[in-house]
Protein backbone atom coordinates (compact mmCIF):
# COMPACT_ATOMS: atom_id res chain seq x y z
CA MET A 1 0.00 0.00 0.00
CA SER A 2 1.25 3.46 -0.83
CA THR A 3 1.88 5.63 2.20
CA ALA A 4 0.75 8.71 0.28
CA ALA A 5 -2.65 7.15 -0.34
CA LEU A 6 -3.55 7.07 3.35
CA SER A 7 -4.47 10.01 5.58
CA PRO A 8 -5.45 9.94 9.26
CA LEU A 9 -9.11 10.23 8.21
CA SER A 10 -9.01 7.50 5.58
CA THR A 11 -10.55 4.08 6.04
CA VAL A 12 -7.71 1.66 5.39
CA PRO A 13 -8.57 -0.82 2.61
CA GLY A 14 -8.79 -4.31 4.06
CA GLN A 15 -8.93 -7.99 3.24
CA VAL A 16 -10.77 -11.06 4.52
CA TRP A 17 -9.19 -14.11 6.14
CA GLN A 18 -11.08 -17.38 6.62
CA TRP A 19 -10.76 -18.64 10.20
CA ARG A 20 -12.72 -21.62 11.55
CA ASP A 21 -15.34 -21.11 8.82
CA TYR A 22 -15.72 -17.43 9.82
CA GLN A 23 -14.87 -14.33 7.80
CA ILE A 24 -12.29 -12.15 9.57
CA TYR A 25 -11.50 -8.63 8.37
CA TYR A 26 -8.01 -7.18 8.64
CA VAL A 27 -5.84 -4.43 7.21
CA LYS A 28 -2.14 -4.12 6.46
CA ALA A 29 0.00 -1.06 5.72
CA GLY A 30 3.72 -0.44 5.46
CA GLU A 31 6.77 -2.66 5.02
CA ASN A 32 9.83 -3.07 7.21
CA PRO A 33 11.45 -6.51 7.48
CA GLN A 34 14.13 -5.17 9.85
CA ARG A 35 11.62 -4.48 12.66
CA PRO A 36 8.94 -6.67 14.19
CA PRO A 37 5.45 -6.12 12.75
CA LEU A 38 2.82 -4.31 14.82
CA LEU A 39 -0.58 -5.96 15.35
CA LEU A 40 -3.24 -3.53 16.61
CA VAL A 41 -6.27 -4.91 18.45
CA HIS A 42 -9.36 -2.79 19.11
CA GLY A 43 -11.64 -2.67 22.16
CA PHE A 44 -15.27 -3.72 22.68
CA GLY A 45 -17.57 -2.29 20.02
CA ALA A 46 -14.71 -0.82 17.98
CA SER A 47 -12.83 -2.07 14.91
CA THR A 48 -9.75 -1.58 12.74
CA ASP A 49 -11.16 1.89 11.96
CA HIS A 50 -10.33 2.99 15.51
CA TRP A 51 -6.63 2.67 14.64
CA ARG A 52 -6.70 4.67 11.38
CA LYS A 53 -4.79 7.63 12.89
CA ASN A 54 -2.10 5.28 14.18
CA ILE A 55 -1.79 3.23 10.99
CA ALA A 56 -1.47 6.38 8.88
CA GLU A 57 1.63 7.49 10.80
CA LEU A 58 3.24 4.24 11.97
CA GLN A 59 3.22 2.63 8.52
CA ALA A 60 6.17 4.86 7.60
CA ASP A 61 8.36 2.96 10.09
CA PHE A 62 6.73 -0.44 10.54
CA GLU A 63 4.74 -3.19 8.91
CA VAL A 64 1.39 -2.49 10.57
CA TRP A 65 -1.53 -4.90 10.83
CA ALA A 66 -4.93 -4.40 12.46
CA ILE A 67 -7.68 -6.97 12.84
CA ASP A 68 -11.38 -7.03 13.67
CA LEU A 69 -11.98 -9.53 16.44
CA LEU A 70 -14.64 -12.13 15.71
CA GLY A 71 -17.98 -10.52 16.55
CA PHE A 72 -16.85 -6.94 15.89
CA GLY A 73 -16.23 -4.47 13.08
CA ARG A 74 -16.46 -6.02 9.63
CA SER A 75 -15.71 -9.54 10.88
CA GLN A 76 -18.47 -12.12 11.01
CA LYS A 77 -20.76 -12.15 14.05
CA PRO A 78 -21.79 -15.75 14.69
CA ASP A 79 -24.06 -16.75 17.57
CA ILE A 80 -21.40 -18.51 19.65
CA ALA A 81 -19.80 -18.21 23.09
CA TYR A 82 -17.24 -15.39 23.12
CA SER A 83 -14.25 -15.31 25.46
CA GLY A 84 -10.69 -14.18 25.87
CA ASP A 85 -9.56 -17.69 24.92
CA LEU A 86 -11.46 -17.47 21.63
CA TRP A 87 -9.88 -14.14 20.69
CA ARG A 88 -6.47 -15.35 21.89
CA ASP A 89 -6.71 -18.27 19.48
CA GLN A 90 -7.93 -16.00 16.66
CA LEU A 91 -4.99 -13.64 17.13
CA THR A 92 -2.47 -16.47 17.47
CA ASP A 93 -3.65 -18.19 14.30
CA PHE A 94 -3.65 -14.87 12.44
CA ILE A 95 -0.04 -14.19 13.42
CA ALA A 96 1.03 -17.71 12.46
CA GLU A 97 -0.95 -18.09 9.22
CA VAL A 98 -1.14 -14.56 7.80
CA ILE A 99 1.69 -12.45 9.25
CA GLY A 100 4.10 -15.34 9.49
CA ARG A 101 6.49 -14.05 12.16
CA PRO A 102 6.32 -12.88 15.79
CA VAL A 103 4.80 -9.44 16.37
CA VAL A 104 4.51 -6.62 18.84
CA LEU A 105 0.88 -6.66 19.95
CA ALA A 106 -0.86 -3.41 20.89
CA GLY A 107 -4.34 -3.61 22.38
CA ASN A 108 -6.87 -1.20 23.83
CA SER A 109 -9.36 -2.24 26.54
CA LEU A 110 -10.80 -5.65 25.58
CA GLY A 111 -8.23 -5.83 22.80
CA GLY A 112 -5.53 -5.31 25.41
CA TYR A 113 -6.82 -8.23 27.44
CA SER A 114 -6.92 -10.44 24.31
CA ALA A 115 -3.38 -9.38 23.38
CA LEU A 116 -2.21 -10.08 26.95
CA CYS A 117 -3.61 -13.61 26.65
CA VAL A 118 -1.50 -14.14 23.52
CA ALA A 119 1.68 -12.72 25.04
CA ALA A 120 1.27 -14.79 28.21
CA GLN A 121 -0.04 -18.07 26.82
CA ARG A 122 1.47 -18.12 23.31
CA PRO A 123 4.79 -16.37 24.02
CA GLN A 124 6.56 -17.64 20.90
CA TRP A 125 4.47 -15.21 18.83
CA ALA A 126 5.01 -12.06 20.94
CA LYS A 127 8.12 -9.90 20.59
CA GLY A 128 6.55 -7.27 22.82
CA LEU A 129 3.22 -6.12 24.26
CA ILE A 130 1.70 -2.63 24.40
CA LEU A 131 -1.39 -2.21 26.59
CA LEU A 132 -3.58 0.90 26.38
CA ASN A 133 -6.08 1.08 29.26
CA CYS A 134 -6.26 -2.70 29.38
CA ALA A 135 -9.44 -4.41 30.57
CA GLY A 136 -9.65 -7.68 32.50
CA PRO A 137 -10.01 -8.83 36.12
CA PHE A 138 -7.42 -9.19 38.88
CA THR A 139 -7.32 -11.71 41.70
CA PRO A 140 -8.79 -10.09 44.83
CA PRO A 141 -6.07 -9.50 47.45
CA PRO A 142 -6.03 -11.76 50.53
CA GLY A 143 -8.49 -10.67 53.17
CA THR A 144 -10.88 -9.04 50.70
CA PRO A 145 -14.31 -9.30 52.34
CA GLU A 146 -17.00 -11.26 50.56
CA PRO A 147 -19.86 -9.19 49.10
CA SER A 148 -22.84 -8.95 51.42
CA PRO A 149 -25.70 -11.40 50.80
CA TRP A 150 -27.85 -8.47 49.64
CA ARG A 151 -25.22 -7.34 47.13
CA LYS A 152 -24.81 -10.91 45.86
CA LEU A 153 -28.54 -11.23 45.43
CA MET A 154 -28.82 -7.94 43.56
CA GLY A 155 -25.95 -8.97 41.29
CA GLU A 156 -27.63 -12.25 40.47
CA VAL A 157 -30.97 -10.54 39.86
CA THR A 158 -29.36 -7.95 37.57
CA LYS A 159 -27.46 -10.59 35.61
CA GLY A 160 -30.57 -12.73 35.34
CA PHE A 161 -32.54 -9.76 34.05
CA PHE A 162 -30.08 -9.02 31.26
CA LEU A 163 -29.92 -12.70 30.33
CA GLN A 164 -33.54 -12.40 29.27
CA PRO A 165 -33.62 -12.05 25.45
CA TRP A 166 -36.15 -9.23 25.52
CA ALA A 167 -34.09 -7.22 28.03
CA SER A 168 -30.82 -7.51 26.12
CA PHE A 169 -32.70 -6.68 22.90
CA TRP A 170 -34.11 -3.41 24.23
CA LEU A 171 -30.85 -2.42 25.92
CA PHE A 172 -28.94 -3.07 22.70
CA GLN A 173 -31.42 -1.04 20.65
CA TYR A 174 -31.01 1.84 23.07
CA LEU A 175 -27.21 1.77 23.30
CA ARG A 176 -26.67 1.47 19.54
CA ARG A 177 -28.45 4.73 18.77
CA PRO A 178 -25.92 7.23 17.33
CA ALA A 179 -26.86 9.87 19.90
CA ILE A 180 -26.21 7.43 22.76
CA ILE A 181 -22.96 6.22 21.20
CA ARG A 182 -21.82 9.85 21.07
CA LYS A 183 -22.80 10.51 24.70
CA THR A 184 -21.00 7.38 25.85
CA LEU A 185 -17.82 8.33 24.00
CA GLU A 186 -17.94 11.88 25.33
CA LYS A 187 -17.89 10.44 28.85
CA VAL A 188 -14.66 8.51 28.22
CA TYR A 189 -12.77 11.01 26.00
CA LEU A 190 -11.26 14.04 27.72
CA ASP A 191 -11.18 15.91 24.41
CA ARG A 192 -14.76 15.80 23.17
CA SER A 193 -13.73 17.22 19.81
CA ALA A 194 -12.13 13.83 19.12
CA VAL A 195 -15.63 12.27 19.18
CA THR A 196 -16.32 12.89 15.51
CA ASP A 197 -19.26 11.98 13.31
CA GLN A 198 -16.99 9.49 11.59
CA LEU A 199 -16.13 7.75 14.87
CA VAL A 200 -19.80 7.47 15.84
CA ALA A 201 -20.69 6.17 12.37
CA ASP A 202 -17.90 3.56 12.50
CA ILE A 203 -19.26 2.10 15.74
CA HIS A 204 -22.90 2.35 14.73
CA ARG A 205 -22.29 0.66 11.36
CA ALA A 206 -21.08 -2.59 12.92
CA SER A 207 -24.05 -2.64 15.33
CA CYS A 208 -26.34 -2.92 12.31
CA ASP A 209 -24.77 -6.17 11.10
CA ARG A 210 -26.54 -9.49 11.33
CA GLY A 211 -25.60 -11.15 14.62
CA ALA A 212 -24.54 -7.95 16.43
CA LEU A 213 -27.31 -8.37 19.01
CA GLN A 214 -26.16 -11.90 19.82
CA VAL A 215 -22.59 -10.71 20.31
CA PHE A 216 -23.81 -7.99 22.68
CA SER A 217 -25.95 -10.48 24.61
CA SER A 218 -23.02 -12.87 24.99
CA VAL A 219 -21.29 -10.35 27.27
CA PHE A 220 -23.73 -11.23 30.04
CA LYS A 221 -23.26 -14.96 29.53
CA ALA A 222 -19.49 -15.21 29.11
CA PRO A 223 -17.49 -16.68 32.02
CA GLN A 224 -14.83 -14.44 33.52
CA GLY A 225 -11.49 -15.10 31.88
CA GLU A 226 -8.05 -15.70 33.37
CA LYS A 227 -7.01 -13.01 35.83
CA ASN A 228 -4.62 -10.31 34.59
CA ASP A 229 -2.12 -10.93 37.38
CA LEU A 230 -1.84 -14.62 36.48
CA LEU A 231 -1.33 -13.76 32.83
CA LEU A 232 1.27 -11.10 33.58
CA ALA A 233 3.21 -13.55 35.75
CA GLN A 234 3.64 -15.83 32.71
CA MET A 235 4.94 -13.13 30.39
CA GLN A 236 8.43 -13.28 28.91
CA CYS A 237 8.40 -10.35 26.47
CA PRO A 238 8.86 -6.62 27.22
CA LEU A 239 5.78 -4.61 28.24
CA LEU A 240 4.83 -0.99 27.50
CA MET A 241 1.87 0.42 29.44
CA LEU A 242 0.14 3.53 28.07
CA TRP A 243 -2.55 4.91 30.36
CA GLY A 244 -5.12 7.55 29.54
CA GLU A 245 -5.40 8.97 33.06
CA GLY A 246 -8.88 10.41 32.54
CA ASP A 247 -10.48 7.00 31.94
CA PRO A 248 -13.62 6.68 34.13
CA TRP A 249 -13.95 2.97 33.37
CA MET A 250 -10.49 1.60 34.16
CA LEU A 251 -9.68 3.68 37.28
CA VAL A 252 -6.03 4.06 36.36
CA GLY A 253 -4.85 5.03 39.84
CA ASP A 254 -6.04 1.65 41.13
CA ARG A 255 -5.17 -0.56 38.16
CA ALA A 256 -1.75 0.73 37.11
CA PRO A 257 0.04 -0.41 40.31
CA LYS A 258 -1.52 -3.87 39.93
CA PHE A 259 -0.07 -4.29 36.45
CA ARG A 260 3.30 -3.02 37.62
CA ALA A 261 3.39 -5.38 40.60
CA ALA A 262 2.30 -8.48 38.67
CA TYR A 263 4.75 -8.18 35.77
CA PRO A 264 7.90 -10.14 36.72
CA HIS A 265 10.53 -8.30 34.63
CA PRO A 266 10.92 -4.71 35.89
CA ASP A 267 13.91 -4.11 33.61
CA GLN A 268 11.62 -4.73 30.59
CA TYR A 269 8.73 -2.57 31.86
CA GLU A 270 7.92 0.94 30.68
CA GLU A 271 4.90 3.03 31.63
CA HIS A 272 3.50 6.43 30.63
CA PHE A 273 0.50 8.36 31.94
CA LEU A 274 -1.21 10.48 29.31
CA ASN A 275 -3.71 13.32 29.31
CA ALA A 276 -6.48 11.32 27.67
CA GLY A 277 -9.39 9.03 28.41
CA HIS A 278 -10.17 5.39 27.67
CA CYS A 279 -8.87 5.44 24.07
CA PRO A 280 -5.61 7.44 24.07
CA HIS A 281 -4.52 6.05 20.69
CA ASP A 282 -7.51 7.78 19.04
CA GLU A 283 -7.71 10.86 21.25
CA ILE A 284 -4.01 11.85 21.22
CA PRO A 285 -2.60 9.72 18.38
CA ALA A 286 0.58 11.72 17.77
CA ILE A 287 1.72 11.25 21.39
CA VAL A 288 0.81 7.57 21.46
CA ASN A 289 2.47 6.97 18.09
CA GLY A 290 5.63 8.63 19.39
CA HIS A 291 5.78 6.33 22.41
CA ILE A 292 5.12 3.26 20.28
CA ARG A 293 7.74 4.23 17.69
CA ALA A 294 10.44 4.90 20.27
CA TRP A 295 9.73 1.77 22.30
CA VAL A 296 9.47 -0.69 19.40
CA THR A 297 12.56 0.80 17.72
CA GLY A 298 14.39 0.20 20.99
CA LEU A 299 13.33 -3.45 20.92
CA SER A 300 14.78 -3.83 17.44
């Protein structure tokens, strides 16, 4: 692909890969056999489009790949059980079959958790890991009190309610409205001007695909995956943490020390706190791209 043909506002032309009888959408830009490829993994509800500002700049220095996780973006949305293990296997097979050599994985939110699963459990395919406001649970510290019986009951009632097909249907119809998508994004971006019509349209478009409701409903049914601390303890490759400090979902002040403490190689750990929200790669792309470029070049 020609670098000149791509601007930060362009939708990167993509291709389709057949995986386990499912259609998986991905994009590729740039060439550089001297450095490890980058594989960018989006968060819940997003897609390869969420990385367009990063691909446009990073392709000058790296071979850059981005992929739509099964159930999201332009990838197929089958009615199956979704989990971190499923996306781990999708990413691992993509690296092995399509890219063909180990990569540096970069993931935001749910994509960060999926990338962490690859780096921890399929280490032969990870040259490095970049996590941007990574999702995923941690093991409760010893002595953590059990939730009260009332809180347990309310949690079970709430989960049971959203497991009802009619409830998840109406919630999905509400949340997928463009005006609600915009309001949600404006709560998790510090710079509201970064919440563009194009960004809203990208997210809304995928919600209109066949099977999108079933993917949304599966969130309430999926078992909790492996804990982040147990995954981090298995890691062998270097780790770069990029935190948007204004993220109201990930509570950076609480989560960042947990990642730092669980990762066993402090000499291979780098961390930066940024003036952004949940999606720093899209909100402040030039700063994030600079950190990625410097760090990955250092690995090479």
